[in-house]
Amino acid sequence: MSDERDLLGAVDALLNRHAAPRPGDEEAVPTLTELIAPGARAALPEPPASDAFAREIVAEVVAEVEARLARDLERRLTQHLVAEVQAAVVAALGDLRQDVANAVGDAVADALSRRPPR
């Protein structure tokens, strides 16, 4: 987890170096979360044309971060969904057992009520 924080911090610092200041606020530098809209592909700021190396590094880092985030998200969703499905199955089995017990009880009561008294 520490490596991921270090990587994300490095990406954030690199992107901040190449980000243009916001209108009316020359001191502020956008953070990584301000540059990426949820569910949308990140719109990276264009580094200067003479800085092809920085462009390649930014592209590699973004691809690596996207891959890591996708793997982490899939792993976390899988863990969460497995727990949810297991809980749903346990609840369904409990309900089913009660339904079976009620059905058997009703069938026995009906069978006994149809028999002539002895």
PDB file of N, CA and C in Angstrom:
ATOM      1  N   MET A   1       0.825  -1.179   0.000  1.00  0.00           N
ATOM      2  CA  MET A   1       0.000   0.000   0.000  1.00  0.00           C
ATOM      3  C   MET A   1       0.873   1.248   0.000  1.00  0.00           C
ATOM      4  N   SER A   2       2.010   1.204   0.676  1.00  0.00           N
ATOM      5  CA  SER A   2       2.909   2.350   0.728  1.00  0.00           C
ATOM      6  C   SER A   2       3.468   2.651  -0.650  1.00  0.00           C
ATOM      7  N   ASP A   3       3.785   1.597  -1.427  1.00  0.00           N
ATOM      8  CA  ASP A   3       4.284   1.798  -2.792  1.00  0.00           C
ATOM      9  C   ASP A   3       3.247   2.507  -3.652  1.00  0.00           C
ATOM     10  N   GLU A   4       1.966   2.145  -3.476  1.00  0.00           N
ATOM     11  CA  GLU A   4       0.900   2.767  -4.249  1.00  0.00           C
ATOM     12  C   GLU A   4       0.798   4.247  -3.896  1.00  0.00           C
ATOM     13  N   ARG A   5       0.898   4.572  -2.588  1.00  0.00           N
ATOM     14  CA  ARG A   5       0.839   5.975  -2.179  1.00  0.00           C
ATOM     15  C   ARG A   5       2.019   6.737  -2.757  1.00  0.00           C
ATOM     16  N   ASP A   6       3.213   6.120  -2.714  1.00  0.00           N
ATOM     17  CA  ASP A   6       4.392   6.769  -3.275  1.00  0.00           C
ATOM     18  C   ASP A   6       4.202   7.017  -4.767  1.00  0.00           C
ATOM     19  N   LEU A   7       3.682   6.028  -5.477  1.00  0.00           N
ATOM     20  CA  LEU A   7       3.468   6.163  -6.916  1.00  0.00           C
ATOM     21  C   LEU A   7       2.440   7.249  -7.201  1.00  0.00           C
ATOM     22  N   LEU A   8       1.321   7.232  -6.461  1.00  0.00           N
ATOM     23  CA  LEU A   8       0.288   8.241  -6.681  1.00  0.00           C
ATOM     24  C   LEU A   8       0.809   9.629  -6.330  1.00  0.00           C
ATOM     25  N   GLY A   9       1.618   9.742  -5.293  1.00  0.00           N
ATOM     26  CA  GLY A   9       2.217  11.029  -4.948  1.00  0.00           C
ATOM     27  C   GLY A   9       3.146  11.521  -6.043  1.00  0.00           C
ATOM     28  N   ALA A  10       3.929  10.617  -6.611  1.00  0.00           N
ATOM     29  CA  ALA A  10       4.834  10.983  -7.700  1.00  0.00           C
ATOM     30  C   ALA A  10       4.054  11.415  -8.929  1.00  0.00           C
ATOM     31  N   VAL A  11       2.975  10.711  -9.240  1.00  0.00           N
ATOM     32  CA  VAL A  11       2.133  11.070 -10.384  1.00  0.00           C
ATOM     33  C   VAL A  11       1.523  12.445 -10.151  1.00  0.00           C
ATOM     34  N   ASP A  12       1.016  12.660  -8.963  1.00  0.00           N
ATOM     35  CA  ASP A  12       0.409  13.941  -8.632  1.00  0.00           C
ATOM     36  C   ASP A  12       1.422  15.075  -8.778  1.00  0.00           C
ATOM     37  N   ALA A  13       2.628  14.883  -8.256  1.00  0.00           N
ATOM     38  CA  ALA A  13       3.674  15.910  -8.366  1.00  0.00           C
ATOM     39  C   ALA A  13       4.045  16.166  -9.826  1.00  0.00           C
ATOM     40  N   LEU A  14       4.173  15.102 -10.613  1.00  0.00           N
ATOM     41  CA  LEU A  14       4.528  15.253 -12.023  1.00  0.00           C
ATOM     42  C   LEU A  14       3.442  16.011 -12.785  1.00  0.00           C
ATOM     43  N   LEU A  15       2.195  15.646 -12.532  1.00  0.00           N
ATOM     44  CA  LEU A  15       1.092  16.329 -13.210  1.00  0.00           C
ATOM     45  C   LEU A  15       0.996  17.786 -12.765  1.00  0.00           C
ATOM     46  N   ASN A  16       1.253  18.039 -11.502  1.00  0.00           N
ATOM     47  CA  ASN A  16       1.188  19.414 -11.005  1.00  0.00           C
ATOM     48  C   ASN A  16       2.253  20.295 -11.653  1.00  0.00           C
ATOM     49  N   ARG A  17       3.401  19.726 -11.990  1.00  0.00           N
ATOM     50  CA  ARG A  17       4.467  20.510 -12.624  1.00  0.00           C
ATOM     51  C   ARG A  17       4.052  20.991 -14.007  1.00  0.00           C
ATOM     52  N   HIS A  18       3.219  20.206 -14.687  1.00  0.00           N
ATOM     53  CA  HIS A  18       2.842  20.527 -16.062  1.00  0.00           C
ATOM     54  C   HIS A  18       1.453  21.148 -16.174  1.00  0.00           C
ATOM     55  N   ALA A  19       0.764  21.310 -15.064  1.00  0.00           N
ATOM     56  CA  ALA A  19      -0.601  21.841 -15.111  1.00  0.00           C
ATOM     57  C   ALA A  19      -0.581  23.357 -15.224  1.00  0.00           C
ATOM     58  N   ALA A  20      -1.493  23.868 -16.028  1.00  0.00           N
ATOM     59  CA  ALA A  20      -1.629  25.320 -16.165  1.00  0.00           C
ATOM     60  C   ALA A  20      -2.403  25.853 -14.965  1.00  0.00           C
ATOM     61  N   PRO A  21      -2.074  27.052 -14.481  1.00  0.00           N
ATOM     62  CA  PRO A  21      -2.818  27.620 -13.357  1.00  0.00           C
ATOM     63  C   PRO A  21      -4.257  27.918 -13.758  1.00  0.00           C
ATOM     64  N   ARG A  22      -5.152  27.867 -12.786  1.00  0.00           N
ATOM     65  CA  ARG A  22      -6.555  28.175 -13.042  1.00  0.00           C
ATOM     66  C   ARG A  22      -6.724  29.673 -13.245  1.00  0.00           C
ATOM     67  N   PRO A  23      -7.702  30.064 -14.057  1.00  0.00           N
ATOM     68  CA  PRO A  23      -7.914  31.494 -14.297  1.00  0.00           C
ATOM     69  C   PRO A  23      -8.185  32.231 -12.989  1.00  0.00           C
ATOM     70  N   GLY A  24      -7.504  33.347 -12.805  1.00  0.00           N
ATOM     71  CA  GLY A  24      -7.704  34.165 -11.615  1.00  0.00           C
ATOM     72  C   GLY A  24      -6.951  33.679 -10.401  1.00  0.00           C
ATOM     73  N   ASP A  25      -6.252  32.557 -10.505  1.00  0.00           N
ATOM     74  CA  ASP A  25      -5.530  32.018  -9.346  1.00  0.00           C
ATOM     75  C   ASP A  25      -4.219  31.426  -9.820  1.00  0.00           C
ATOM     76  N   GLU A  26      -3.230  32.281 -10.061  1.00  0.00           N
ATOM     77  CA  GLU A  26      -1.951  31.832 -10.601  1.00  0.00           C
ATOM     78  C   GLU A  26      -1.164  31.005  -9.585  1.00  0.00           C
ATOM     79  N   GLU A  27      -1.477  31.113  -8.292  1.00  0.00           N
ATOM     80  CA  GLU A  27      -0.745  30.385  -7.258  1.00  0.00           C
ATOM     81  C   GLU A  27      -1.229  28.933  -7.127  1.00  0.00           C
ATOM     82  N   ALA A  28      -2.495  28.669  -7.438  1.00  0.00           N
ATOM     83  CA  ALA A  28      -3.073  27.342  -7.224  1.00  0.00           C
ATOM     84  C   ALA A  28      -2.647  26.382  -8.331  1.00  0.00           C
ATOM     85  N   VAL A  29      -2.404  25.149  -7.954  1.00  0.00           N
ATOM     86  CA  VAL A  29      -2.072  24.093  -8.895  1.00  0.00           C
ATOM     87  C   VAL A  29      -3.090  22.983  -8.681  1.00  0.00           C
ATOM     88  N   PRO A  30      -3.769  22.534  -9.744  1.00  0.00           N
ATOM     89  CA  PRO A  30      -4.787  21.491  -9.555  1.00  0.00           C
ATOM     90  C   PRO A  30      -4.153  20.185  -9.084  1.00  0.00           C
ATOM     91  N   THR A  31      -4.923  19.451  -8.296  1.00  0.00           N
ATOM     92  CA  THR A  31      -4.454  18.146  -7.832  1.00  0.00           C
ATOM     93  C   THR A  31      -4.892  17.084  -8.821  1.00  0.00           C
ATOM     94  N   LEU A  32      -4.390  15.876  -8.631  1.00  0.00           N
ATOM     95  CA  LEU A  32      -4.715  14.777  -9.532  1.00  0.00           C
ATOM     96  C   LEU A  32      -6.218  14.513  -9.545  1.00  0.00           C
ATOM     97  N   THR A  33      -6.871  14.581  -8.388  1.00  0.00           N
ATOM     98  CA  THR A  33      -8.306  14.305  -8.337  1.00  0.00           C
ATOM     99  C   THR A  33      -9.125  15.383  -9.026  1.00  0.00           C
ATOM    100  N   GLU A  34      -8.606  16.596  -9.138  1.00  0.00           N
ATOM    101  CA  GLU A  34      -9.309  17.643  -9.853  1.00  0.00           C
ATOM    102  C   GLU A  34      -9.190  17.459 -11.364  1.00  0.00           C
ATOM    103  N   LEU A  35      -8.155  16.783 -11.801  1.00  0.00           N
ATOM    104  CA  LEU A  35      -7.927  16.587 -13.226  1.00  0.00           C
ATOM    105  C   LEU A  35      -8.687  15.405 -13.789  1.00  0.00           C
ATOM    106  N   ILE A  36      -9.119  14.471 -12.930  1.00  0.00           N
ATOM    107  CA  ILE A  36      -9.766  13.248 -13.392  1.00  0.00           C
ATOM    108  C   ILE A  36     -11.219  13.253 -12.946  1.00  0.00           C
ATOM    109  N   ALA A  37     -12.137  13.230 -13.903  1.00  0.00           N
ATOM    110  CA  ALA A  37     -13.558  13.156 -13.597  1.00  0.00           C
ATOM    111  C   ALA A  37     -13.919  11.695 -13.364  1.00  0.00           C
ATOM    112  N   PRO A  38     -14.767  11.397 -12.358  1.00  0.00           N
ATOM    113  CA  PRO A  38     -15.147  10.006 -12.115  1.00  0.00           C
ATOM    114  C   PRO A  38     -15.784   9.383 -13.348  1.00  0.00           C
ATOM    115  N   GLY A  39     -15.325   8.193 -13.692  1.00  0.00           N
ATOM    116  CA  GLY A  39     -15.878   7.452 -14.811  1.00  0.00           C
ATOM    117  C   GLY A  39     -15.395   7.924 -16.174  1.00  0.00           C
ATOM    118  N   ALA A  40     -14.631   8.989 -16.217  1.00  0.00           N
ATOM    119  CA  ALA A  40     -14.141   9.494 -17.506  1.00  0.00           C
ATOM    120  C   ALA A  40     -12.639   9.254 -17.600  1.00  0.00           C
ATOM    121  N   ARG A  41     -12.169   9.170 -18.798  1.00  0.00           N
ATOM    122  CA  ARG A  41     -10.730   9.010 -19.017  1.00  0.00           C
ATOM    123  C   ARG A  41     -10.061  10.331 -18.675  1.00  0.00           C
ATOM    124  N   ALA A  42      -8.933  10.254 -18.023  1.00  0.00           N
ATOM    125  CA  ALA A  42      -8.240  11.451 -17.562  1.00  0.00           C
ATOM    126  C   ALA A  42      -7.803  12.313 -18.733  1.00  0.00           C
ATOM    127  N   ALA A  43      -8.066  13.606 -18.620  1.00  0.00           N
ATOM    128  CA  ALA A  43      -7.600  14.569 -19.616  1.00  0.00           C
ATOM    129  C   ALA A  43      -6.307  15.159 -19.082  1.00  0.00           C
ATOM    130  N   LEU A  44      -5.196  14.686 -19.600  1.00  0.00           N
ATOM    131  CA  LEU A  44      -3.896  15.117 -19.113  1.00  0.00           C
ATOM    132  C   LEU A  44      -3.532  16.469 -19.701  1.00  0.00           C
ATOM    133  N   PRO A  45      -2.914  17.317 -18.890  1.00  0.00           N
ATOM    134  CA  PRO A  45      -2.442  18.578 -19.450  1.00  0.00           C
ATOM    135  C   PRO A  45      -1.305  18.297 -20.420  1.00  0.00           C
ATOM    136  N   GLU A  46      -1.237  19.076 -21.483  1.00  0.00           N
ATOM    137  CA  GLU A  46      -0.190  18.887 -22.490  1.00  0.00           C
ATOM    138  C   GLU A  46       1.113  19.490 -21.992  1.00  0.00           C
ATOM    139  N   PRO A  47       2.146  18.679 -21.876  1.00  0.00           N
ATOM    140  CA  PRO A  47       3.444  19.244 -21.541  1.00  0.00           C
ATOM    141  C   PRO A  47       3.977  20.047 -22.729  1.00  0.00           C
ATOM    142  N   PRO A  48       4.958  20.882 -22.508  1.00  0.00           N
ATOM    143  CA  PRO A  48       5.518  21.642 -23.623  1.00  0.00           C
ATOM    144  C   PRO A  48       5.950  20.708 -24.755  1.00  0.00           C
ATOM    145  N   ALA A  49       5.852  21.194 -25.998  1.00  0.00           N
ATOM    146  CA  ALA A  49       6.148  20.372 -27.169  1.00  0.00           C
ATOM    147  C   ALA A  49       7.584  19.859 -27.158  1.00  0.00           C
ATOM    148  N   SER A  50       8.487  20.605 -26.570  1.00  0.00           N
ATOM    149  CA  SER A  50       9.895  20.191 -26.558  1.00  0.00           C
ATOM    150  C   SER A  50      10.166  19.117 -25.516  1.00  0.00           C
ATOM    151  N   ASP A  51       9.187  18.791 -24.724  1.00  0.00           N
ATOM    152  CA  ASP A  51       9.396  17.854 -23.622  1.00  0.00           C
ATOM    153  C   ASP A  51       8.767  16.498 -23.936  1.00  0.00           C
ATOM    154  N   ALA A  52       9.212  15.834 -24.979  1.00  0.00           N
ATOM    155  CA  ALA A  52       8.659  14.543 -25.393  1.00  0.00           C
ATOM    156  C   ALA A  52       8.902  13.478 -24.340  1.00  0.00           C
ATOM    157  N   PHE A  53      10.041  13.536 -23.665  1.00  0.00           N
ATOM    158  CA  PHE A  53      10.358  12.559 -22.620  1.00  0.00           C
ATOM    159  C   PHE A  53       9.328  12.628 -21.498  1.00  0.00           C
ATOM    160  N   ALA A  54       8.990  13.825 -21.068  1.00  0.00           N
ATOM    161  CA  ALA A  54       7.991  13.988 -19.998  1.00  0.00           C
ATOM    162  C   ALA A  54       6.640  13.448 -20.442  1.00  0.00           C
ATOM    163  N   ARG A  55       6.291  13.681 -21.719  1.00  0.00           N
ATOM    164  CA  ARG A  55       5.033  13.155 -22.244  1.00  0.00           C
ATOM    165  C   ARG A  55       5.002  11.636 -22.180  1.00  0.00           C
ATOM    166  N   GLU A  56       6.110  10.999 -22.543  1.00  0.00           N
ATOM    167  CA  GLU A  56       6.183   9.530 -22.487  1.00  0.00           C
ATOM    168  C   GLU A  56       6.072   9.036 -21.056  1.00  0.00           C
ATOM    169  N   ILE A  57       6.758   9.695 -20.136  1.00  0.00           N
ATOM    170  CA  ILE A  57       6.701   9.297 -18.728  1.00  0.00           C
ATOM    171  C   ILE A  57       5.285   9.445 -18.188  1.00  0.00           C
ATOM    172  N   VAL A  58       4.647  10.566 -18.493  1.00  0.00           N
ATOM    173  CA  VAL A  58       3.274  10.784 -18.030  1.00  0.00           C
ATOM    174  C   VAL A  58       2.362   9.693 -18.575  1.00  0.00           C
ATOM    175  N   ALA A  59       2.508   9.361 -19.842  1.00  0.00           N
ATOM    176  CA  ALA A  59       1.664   8.319 -20.440  1.00  0.00           C
ATOM    177  C   ALA A  59       1.904   6.968 -19.785  1.00  0.00           C
ATOM    178  N   GLU A  60       3.170   6.636 -19.528  1.00  0.00           N
ATOM    179  CA  GLU A  60       3.478   5.361 -18.868  1.00  0.00           C
ATOM    180  C   GLU A  60       2.924   5.319 -17.448  1.00  0.00           C
ATOM    181  N   VAL A  61       3.097   6.422 -16.718  1.00  0.00           N
ATOM    182  CA  VAL A  61       2.608   6.462 -15.340  1.00  0.00           C
ATOM    183  C   VAL A  61       1.092   6.363 -15.304  1.00  0.00           C
ATOM    184  N   VAL A  62       0.420   7.080 -16.190  1.00  0.00           N
ATOM    185  CA  VAL A  62      -1.038   7.017 -16.231  1.00  0.00           C
ATOM    186  C   VAL A  62      -1.498   5.600 -16.554  1.00  0.00           C
ATOM    187  N   ALA A  63      -0.859   4.947 -17.502  1.00  0.00           N
ATOM    188  CA  ALA A  63      -1.233   3.573 -17.849  1.00  0.00           C
ATOM    189  C   ALA A  63      -1.011   2.637 -16.662  1.00  0.00           C
ATOM    190  N   GLU A  64       0.106   2.800 -15.965  1.00  0.00           N
ATOM    191  CA  GLU A  64       0.390   1.955 -14.795  1.00  0.00           C
ATOM    192  C   GLU A  64      -0.619   2.196 -13.683  1.00  0.00           C
ATOM    193  N   VAL A  65      -0.925   3.454 -13.422  1.00  0.00           N
ATOM    194  CA  VAL A  65      -1.894   3.782 -12.360  1.00  0.00           C
ATOM    195  C   VAL A  65      -3.273   3.241 -12.726  1.00  0.00           C
ATOM    196  N   GLU A  66      -3.686   3.414 -13.979  1.00  0.00           N
ATOM    197  CA  GLU A  66      -4.980   2.878 -14.401  1.00  0.00           C
ATOM    198  C   GLU A  66      -5.036   1.370 -14.229  1.00  0.00           C
ATOM    199  N   ALA A  67      -3.968   0.675 -14.606  1.00  0.00           N
ATOM    200  CA  ALA A  67      -3.935  -0.779 -14.473  1.00  0.00           C
ATOM    201  C   ALA A  67      -4.011  -1.193 -13.005  1.00  0.00           C
ATOM    202  N   ARG A  68      -3.224  -0.515 -12.162  1.00  0.00           N
ATOM    203  CA  ARG A  68      -3.250  -0.855 -10.729  1.00  0.00           C
ATOM    204  C   ARG A  68      -4.612  -0.565 -10.116  1.00  0.00           C
ATOM    205  N   LEU A  69      -5.180   0.577 -10.456  1.00  0.00           N
ATOM    206  CA  LEU A  69      -6.498   0.914  -9.909  1.00  0.00           C
ATOM    207  C   LEU A  69      -7.559  -0.068 -10.381  1.00  0.00           C
ATOM    208  N   ALA A  70      -7.486  -0.483 -11.637  1.00  0.00           N
ATOM    209  CA  ALA A  70      -8.450  -1.455 -12.158  1.00  0.00           C
ATOM    210  C   ALA A  70      -8.332  -2.781 -11.420  1.00  0.00           C
ATOM    211  N   ARG A  71      -7.087  -3.250 -11.208  1.00  0.00           N
ATOM    212  CA  ARG A  71      -6.891  -4.507 -10.471  1.00  0.00           C
ATOM    213  C   ARG A  71      -7.393  -4.380  -9.037  1.00  0.00           C
ATOM    214  N   ASP A  72      -7.064  -3.264  -8.385  1.00  0.00           N
ATOM    215  CA  ASP A  72      -7.463  -3.061  -7.001  1.00  0.00           C
ATOM    216  C   ASP A  72      -8.978  -2.958  -6.882  1.00  0.00           C
ATOM    217  N   LEU A  73      -9.588  -2.246  -7.802  1.00  0.00           N
ATOM    218  CA  LEU A  73     -11.042  -2.115  -7.796  1.00  0.00           C
ATOM    219  C   LEU A  73     -11.712  -3.469  -8.006  1.00  0.00           C
ATOM    220  N   GLU A  74     -11.199  -4.246  -8.952  1.00  0.00           N
ATOM    221  CA  GLU A  74     -11.771  -5.568  -9.213  1.00  0.00           C
ATOM    222  C   GLU A  74     -11.637  -6.472  -7.980  1.00  0.00           C
ATOM    223  N   ARG A  75     -10.459  -6.430  -7.342  1.00  0.00           N
ATOM    224  CA  ARG A  75     -10.237  -7.255  -6.152  1.00  0.00           C
ATOM    225  C   ARG A  75     -11.191  -6.848  -5.029  1.00  0.00           C
ATOM    226  N   ARG A  76     -11.324  -5.550  -4.799  1.00  0.00           N
ATOM    227  CA  ARG A  76     -12.195  -5.072  -3.716  1.00  0.00           C
ATOM    228  C   ARG A  76     -13.659  -5.369  -4.006  1.00  0.00           C
ATOM    229  N   LEU A  77     -14.079  -5.183  -5.258  1.00  0.00           N
ATOM    230  CA  LEU A  77     -15.461  -5.492  -5.615  1.00  0.00           C
ATOM    231  C   LEU A  77     -15.746  -6.983  -5.463  1.00  0.00           C
ATOM    232  N   THR A  78     -14.787  -7.808  -5.860  1.00  0.00           N
ATOM    233  CA  THR A  78     -14.957  -9.253  -5.733  1.00  0.00           C
ATOM    234  C   THR A  78     -15.116  -9.641  -4.273  1.00  0.00           C
ATOM    235  N   GLN A  79     -14.267  -9.099  -3.406  1.00  0.00           N
ATOM    236  CA  GLN A  79     -14.376  -9.401  -1.973  1.00  0.00           C
ATOM    237  C   GLN A  79     -15.728  -8.972  -1.435  1.00  0.00           C
ATOM    238  N   HIS A  80     -16.156  -7.783  -1.810  1.00  0.00           N
ATOM    239  CA  HIS A  80     -17.435  -7.265  -1.321  1.00  0.00           C
ATOM    240  C   HIS A  80     -18.599  -8.096  -1.846  1.00  0.00           C
ATOM    241  N   LEU A  81     -18.564  -8.416  -3.141  1.00  0.00           N
ATOM    242  CA  LEU A  81     -19.661  -9.174  -3.730  1.00  0.00           C
ATOM    243  C   LEU A  81     -19.735 -10.591  -3.183  1.00  0.00           C
ATOM    244  N   VAL A  82     -18.576 -11.215  -2.938  1.00  0.00           N
ATOM    245  CA  VAL A  82     -18.579 -12.567  -2.374  1.00  0.00           C
ATOM    246  C   VAL A  82     -19.267 -12.552  -1.015  1.00  0.00           C
ATOM    247  N   ALA A  83     -18.931 -11.576  -0.184  1.00  0.00           N
ATOM    248  CA  ALA A  83     -19.552 -11.478   1.136  1.00  0.00           C
ATOM    249  C   ALA A  83     -21.056 -11.236   1.020  1.00  0.00           C
ATOM    250  N   GLU A  84     -21.457 -10.372   0.088  1.00  0.00           N
ATOM    251  CA  GLU A  84     -22.882 -10.086  -0.099  1.00  0.00           C
ATOM    252  C   GLU A  84     -23.635 -11.322  -0.595  1.00  0.00           C
ATOM    253  N   VAL A  85     -23.060 -12.046  -1.543  1.00  0.00           N
ATOM    254  CA  VAL A  85     -23.712 -13.246  -2.080  1.00  0.00           C
ATOM    255  C   VAL A  85     -23.825 -14.316  -0.995  1.00  0.00           C
ATOM    256  N   GLN A  86     -22.762 -14.495  -0.222  1.00  0.00           N
ATOM    257  CA  GLN A  86     -22.816 -15.475   0.857  1.00  0.00           C
ATOM    258  C   GLN A  86     -23.914 -15.128   1.868  1.00  0.00           C
ATOM    259  N   ALA A  87     -24.028 -13.862   2.229  1.00  0.00           N
ATOM    260  CA  ALA A  87     -25.071 -13.440   3.165  1.00  0.00           C
ATOM    261  C   ALA A  87     -26.462 -13.675   2.571  1.00  0.00           C
ATOM    262  N   ALA A  88     -26.626 -13.396   1.270  1.00  0.00           N
ATOM    263  CA  ALA A  88     -27.914 -13.610   0.621  1.00  0.00           C
ATOM    264  C   ALA A  88     -28.271 -15.098   0.576  1.00  0.00           C
ATOM    265  N   VAL A  89     -27.282 -15.948   0.305  1.00  0.00           N
ATOM    266  CA  VAL A  89     -27.530 -17.396   0.259  1.00  0.00           C
ATOM    267  C   VAL A  89     -27.919 -17.909   1.650  1.00  0.00           C
ATOM    268  N   VAL A  90     -27.218 -17.446   2.683  1.00  0.00           N
ATOM    269  CA  VAL A  90     -27.547 -17.868   4.052  1.00  0.00           C
ATOM    270  C   VAL A  90     -28.974 -17.453   4.400  1.00  0.00           C
ATOM    271  N   ALA A  91     -29.341 -16.219   4.063  1.00  0.00           N
ATOM    272  CA  ALA A  91     -30.699 -15.744   4.345  1.00  0.00           C
ATOM    273  C   ALA A  91     -31.730 -16.549   3.563  1.00  0.00           C
ATOM    274  N   ALA A  92     -31.450 -16.840   2.282  1.00  0.00           N
ATOM    275  CA  ALA A  92     -32.385 -17.607   1.456  1.00  0.00           C
ATOM    276  C   ALA A  92     -32.551 -19.022   1.992  1.00  0.00           C
ATOM    277  N   LEU A  93     -31.449 -19.636   2.422  1.00  0.00           N
ATOM    278  CA  LEU A  93     -31.543 -20.984   2.984  1.00  0.00           C
ATOM    279  C   LEU A  93     -32.358 -20.991   4.278  1.00  0.00           C
ATOM    280  N   GLY A  94     -32.154 -19.965   5.102  1.00  0.00           N
ATOM    281  CA  GLY A  94     -32.948 -19.868   6.331  1.00  0.00           C
ATOM    282  C   GLY A  94     -34.425 -19.745   6.017  1.00  0.00           C
ATOM    283  N   ASP A  95     -34.763 -18.880   5.043  1.00  0.00           N
ATOM    284  CA  ASP A  95     -36.161 -18.722   4.633  1.00  0.00           C
ATOM    285  C   ASP A  95     -36.704 -20.008   4.040  1.00  0.00           C
ATOM    286  N   LEU A  96     -35.894 -20.692   3.224  1.00  0.00           N
ATOM    287  CA  LEU A  96     -36.320 -21.933   2.586  1.00  0.00           C
ATOM    288  C   LEU A  96     -36.587 -23.019   3.628  1.00  0.00           C
ATOM    289  N   ARG A  97     -35.723 -23.108   4.613  1.00  0.00           N
ATOM    290  CA  ARG A  97     -35.932 -24.110   5.678  1.00  0.00           C
ATOM    291  C   ARG A  97     -37.258 -23.858   6.388  1.00  0.00           C
ATOM    292  N   GLN A  98     -37.524 -22.589   6.690  1.00  0.00           N
ATOM    293  CA  GLN A  98     -38.786 -22.258   7.355  1.00  0.00           C
ATOM    294  C   GLN A  98     -39.966 -22.568   6.452  1.00  0.00           C
ATOM    295  N   ASP A  99     -39.845 -22.269   5.148  1.00  0.00           N
ATOM    296  CA  ASP A  99     -40.929 -22.567   4.205  1.00  0.00           C
ATOM    297  C   ASP A  99     -41.175 -24.072   4.112  1.00  0.00           C
ATOM    298  N   VAL A 100     -40.107 -24.862   4.070  1.00  0.00           N
ATOM    299  CA  VAL A 100     -40.247 -26.321   4.012  1.00  0.00           C
ATOM    300  C   VAL A 100     -40.903 -26.832   5.289  1.00  0.00           C
ATOM    301  N   ALA A 101     -40.472 -26.323   6.433  1.00  0.00           N
ATOM    302  CA  ALA A 101     -41.064 -26.748   7.706  1.00  0.00           C
ATOM    303  C   ALA A 101     -42.548 -26.396   7.755  1.00  0.00           C
ATOM    304  N   ASN A 102     -42.909 -25.214   7.288  1.00  0.00           N
ATOM    305  CA  ASN A 102     -44.324 -24.811   7.261  1.00  0.00           C
ATOM    306  C   ASN A 102     -45.122 -25.695   6.316  1.00  0.00           C
ATOM    307  N   ALA A 103     -44.554 -25.998   5.139  1.00  0.00           N
ATOM    308  CA  ALA A 103     -45.251 -26.836   4.161  1.00  0.00           C
ATOM    309  C   ALA A 103     -45.464 -28.237   4.709  1.00  0.00           C
ATOM    310  N   VAL A 104     -44.448 -28.792   5.365  1.00  0.00           N
ATOM    311  CA  VAL A 104     -44.587 -30.137   5.948  1.00  0.00           C
ATOM    312  C   VAL A 104     -45.629 -30.112   7.057  1.00  0.00           C
ATOM    313  N   GLY A 105     -45.583 -29.098   7.910  1.00  0.00           N
ATOM    314  CA  GLY A 105     -46.575 -28.986   8.986  1.00  0.00           C
ATOM    315  C   GLY A 105     -47.985 -28.873   8.451  1.00  0.00           C
ATOM    316  N   ASP A 106     -48.177 -28.049   7.407  1.00  0.00           N
ATOM    317  CA  ASP A 106     -49.507 -27.899   6.802  1.00  0.00           C
ATOM    318  C   ASP A 106     -49.974 -29.199   6.165  1.00  0.00           C
ATOM    319  N   ALA A 107     -49.073 -29.914   5.489  1.00  0.00           N
ATOM    320  CA  ALA A 107     -49.437 -31.174   4.838  1.00  0.00           C
ATOM    321  C   ALA A 107     -49.836 -32.216   5.881  1.00  0.00           C
ATOM    322  N   VAL A 108     -49.114 -32.283   6.981  1.00  0.00           N
ATOM    323  CA  VAL A 108     -49.455 -33.243   8.042  1.00  0.00           C
ATOM    324  C   VAL A 108     -50.802 -32.877   8.652  1.00  0.00           C
ATOM    325  N   ALA A 109     -51.028 -31.593   8.901  1.00  0.00           N
ATOM    326  CA  ALA A 109     -52.314 -31.166   9.476  1.00  0.00           C
ATOM    327  C   ALA A 109     -53.460 -31.474   8.521  1.00  0.00           C
ATOM    328  N   ASP A 110     -53.283 -31.243   7.228  1.00  0.00           N
ATOM    329  CA  ASP A 110     -54.332 -31.549   6.246  1.00  0.00           C
ATOM    330  C   ASP A 110     -54.592 -33.044   6.187  1.00  0.00           C
ATOM    331  N   ALA A 111     -53.541 -33.836   6.172  1.00  0.00           N
ATOM    332  CA  ALA A 111     -53.699 -35.296   6.106  1.00  0.00           C
ATOM    333  C   ALA A 111     -54.428 -35.798   7.331  1.00  0.00           C
ATOM    334  N   LEU A 112     -54.098 -35.275   8.500  1.00  0.00           N
ATOM    335  CA  LEU A 112     -54.769 -35.719   9.734  1.00  0.00           C
ATOM    336  C   LEU A 112     -56.215 -35.266   9.773  1.00  0.00           C
ATOM    337  N   SER A 113     -56.527 -34.090   9.225  1.00  0.00           N
ATOM    338  CA  SER A 113     -57.897 -33.601   9.263  1.00  0.00           C
ATOM    339  C   SER A 113     -58.793 -34.375   8.290  1.00  0.00           C
ATOM    340  N   ARG A 114     -58.235 -34.947   7.243  1.00  0.00           N
ATOM    341  CA  ARG A 114     -59.033 -35.720   6.288  1.00  0.00           C
ATOM    342  C   ARG A 114     -59.289 -37.149   6.764  1.00  0.00           C
ATOM    343  N   ARG A 115     -58.549 -37.616   7.691  1.00  0.00           N
ATOM    344  CA  ARG A 115     -58.733 -38.994   8.181  1.00  0.00           C
ATOM    345  C   ARG A 115     -59.935 -39.049   9.117  1.00  0.00           C
ATOM    346  N   PRO A 116     -60.666 -40.130   9.032  1.00  0.00           N
ATOM    347  CA  PRO A 116     -61.808 -40.270   9.961  1.00  0.00           C
ATOM    348  C   PRO A 116     -61.287 -40.474  11.394  1.00  0.00           C
ATOM    349  N   PRO A 117     -61.988 -39.942  12.334  1.00  0.00           N
ATOM    350  CA  PRO A 117     -61.549 -40.129  13.744  1.00  0.00           C
ATOM    351  C   PRO A 117     -61.614 -41.588  14.126  1.00  0.00           C
ATOM    352  N   ARG A 118     -60.761 -42.036  15.028  1.00  0.00           N
ATOM    353  CA  ARG A 118     -60.717 -43.438  15.455  1.00  0.00           C
ATOM    354  C   ARG A 118     -61.375 -43.611  16.769  1.00  0.00           C
TER     355      ARG A 118
END
